């Protein structure tokens, strides 16, 4: 577990990533997850293009059949990992398709 202070400092920066619109370049379905994410498998992850910057992000709120190259996506803040009752809940940036599935 990360320290509560480190988590708090990271959370202070999350608003900088909220509601950024980008396009989905490629994606995959993860069946074997890293430590802390085992409870989420299978889940979708992809490379998203934001104005010259590409980021690897988890894709939420959609099915794999709905994903297409250049699909317009928007960043959202969601819980990451799985916290025990005594842990601090960590949040991070993920993406979801823009309502209506428009393309950029």
Protein backbone atom coordinates (compact mmCIF):
# COMPACT_ATOMS: atom_id res chain seq x y z
CA UNK A 1 0.00 0.00 0.00
CA UNK A 2 1.17 3.54 -0.76
CA UNK A 3 1.37 6.02 2.05
CA UNK A 4 -1.73 8.19 2.62
CA UNK A 5 0.36 11.33 2.05
CA UNK A 6 1.59 10.09 -1.35
CA UNK A 7 -1.96 9.17 -2.38
CA UNK A 8 -3.28 12.58 -1.26
CA UNK A 9 -0.61 14.39 -3.31
CA UNK A 10 -1.50 12.34 -6.40
CA UNK A 11 -5.23 12.96 -5.93
CA UNK A 12 -4.66 16.73 -5.86
CA UNK A 13 -3.55 16.53 -9.53
CA UNK A 14 -6.42 14.38 -10.84
CA UNK A 15 -8.62 17.33 -11.81
CA UNK A 16 -6.04 18.23 -14.49
CA UNK A 17 -7.01 15.08 -16.40
CA UNK A 18 -10.80 15.22 -15.98
CA UNK A 19 -12.98 15.51 -19.11
CA UNK A 20 -10.16 15.48 -21.68
CA UNK A 21 -11.38 14.17 -25.03
CA UNK A 22 -9.17 11.96 -27.16
CA UNK A 23 -9.35 9.10 -29.62
CA UNK A 24 -8.74 5.41 -29.13
CA UNK A 25 -5.76 4.18 -31.16
CA UNK A 26 -5.59 0.48 -30.15
CA UNK A 27 -6.94 -1.67 -27.33
CA UNK A 28 -6.69 -5.11 -25.77
CA UNK A 29 -8.44 -7.21 -23.16
CA UNK A 30 -6.36 -8.03 -20.09
CA UNK A 31 -6.83 -11.54 -18.65
CA UNK A 32 -3.74 -11.71 -16.41
CA UNK A 33 -3.53 -8.54 -14.34
CA UNK A 34 -0.71 -7.07 -12.27
CA UNK A 35 -0.85 -7.23 -8.47
CA UNK A 36 -3.75 -5.25 -7.06
CA UNK A 37 -5.90 -5.54 -10.18
CA UNK A 38 -6.66 -9.28 -10.14
CA UNK A 39 -10.25 -8.65 -9.07
CA UNK A 40 -10.94 -6.63 -12.27
CA UNK A 41 -10.01 -9.24 -14.92
CA UNK A 42 -10.93 -9.35 -17.66
CA UNK A 43 -10.74 -5.62 -18.35
CA UNK A 44 -10.08 -3.40 -21.36
CA UNK A 45 -7.02 -1.18 -21.78
CA UNK A 46 -5.93 0.95 -24.69
CA UNK A 47 -3.66 3.64 -26.06
CA UNK A 48 -5.46 6.99 -26.28
CA UNK A 49 -4.27 9.96 -28.36
CA UNK A 50 -4.69 13.42 -26.78
CA UNK A 51 -3.39 16.33 -28.91
CA UNK A 52 0.03 14.86 -29.62
CA UNK A 53 0.28 12.83 -26.41
CA UNK A 54 -0.47 9.11 -26.19
CA UNK A 55 -1.36 7.51 -22.86
CA UNK A 56 -2.12 3.91 -21.86
CA UNK A 57 -5.43 3.92 -19.96
CA UNK A 58 -8.07 1.50 -18.79
CA UNK A 59 -11.35 1.63 -20.74
CA UNK A 60 -14.59 1.54 -18.72
CA UNK A 61 -18.35 1.64 -19.27
CA UNK A 62 -18.41 -0.26 -22.57
CA UNK A 63 -18.14 -3.68 -24.15
CA UNK A 64 -15.25 -4.75 -26.36
CA UNK A 65 -17.63 -5.14 -29.33
CA UNK A 66 -18.36 -1.38 -29.13
CA UNK A 67 -14.71 -0.34 -29.55
CA UNK A 68 -13.44 0.89 -32.92
CA UNK A 69 -10.29 2.69 -34.07
CA UNK A 70 -10.61 6.47 -33.65
CA UNK A 71 -13.51 6.10 -31.21
CA UNK A 72 -13.95 9.34 -29.29
CA UNK A 73 -13.29 8.83 -25.57
CA UNK A 74 -13.31 11.09 -22.52
CA UNK A 75 -11.30 10.82 -19.31
CA UNK A 76 -13.02 10.04 -16.03
CA UNK A 77 -11.81 9.56 -12.46
CA UNK A 78 -12.45 6.10 -11.02
CA UNK A 79 -11.31 3.95 -8.14
CA UNK A 80 -8.22 1.88 -8.93
CA UNK A 81 -7.07 -1.26 -7.23
CA UNK A 82 -8.87 -2.82 -4.27
CA UNK A 83 -8.56 -1.24 -0.84
CA UNK A 84 -8.92 -3.08 2.44
CA UNK A 85 -11.06 -1.50 5.13
CA UNK A 86 -8.02 0.13 6.77
CA UNK A 87 -6.49 1.39 3.48
CA UNK A 88 -6.90 4.71 1.71
CA UNK A 89 -9.00 4.38 -1.46
CA UNK A 90 -6.92 5.30 -4.52
CA UNK A 91 -8.42 6.99 -7.59
CA UNK A 92 -6.96 7.32 -11.07
CA UNK A 93 -7.69 8.33 -14.64
CA UNK A 94 -9.58 6.00 -16.99
CA UNK A 95 -11.47 6.60 -20.25
CA UNK A 96 -14.97 5.85 -21.44
CA UNK A 97 -16.60 6.32 -24.85
CA UNK A 98 -18.22 9.69 -25.43
CA UNK A 99 -22.01 9.43 -25.29
CA UNK A 100 -23.24 8.32 -28.70
CA UNK A 101 -19.88 6.74 -29.67
CA UNK A 102 -18.90 9.61 -32.00
CA UNK A 103 -15.62 9.48 -33.85
CA UNK A 104 -12.98 12.22 -33.86
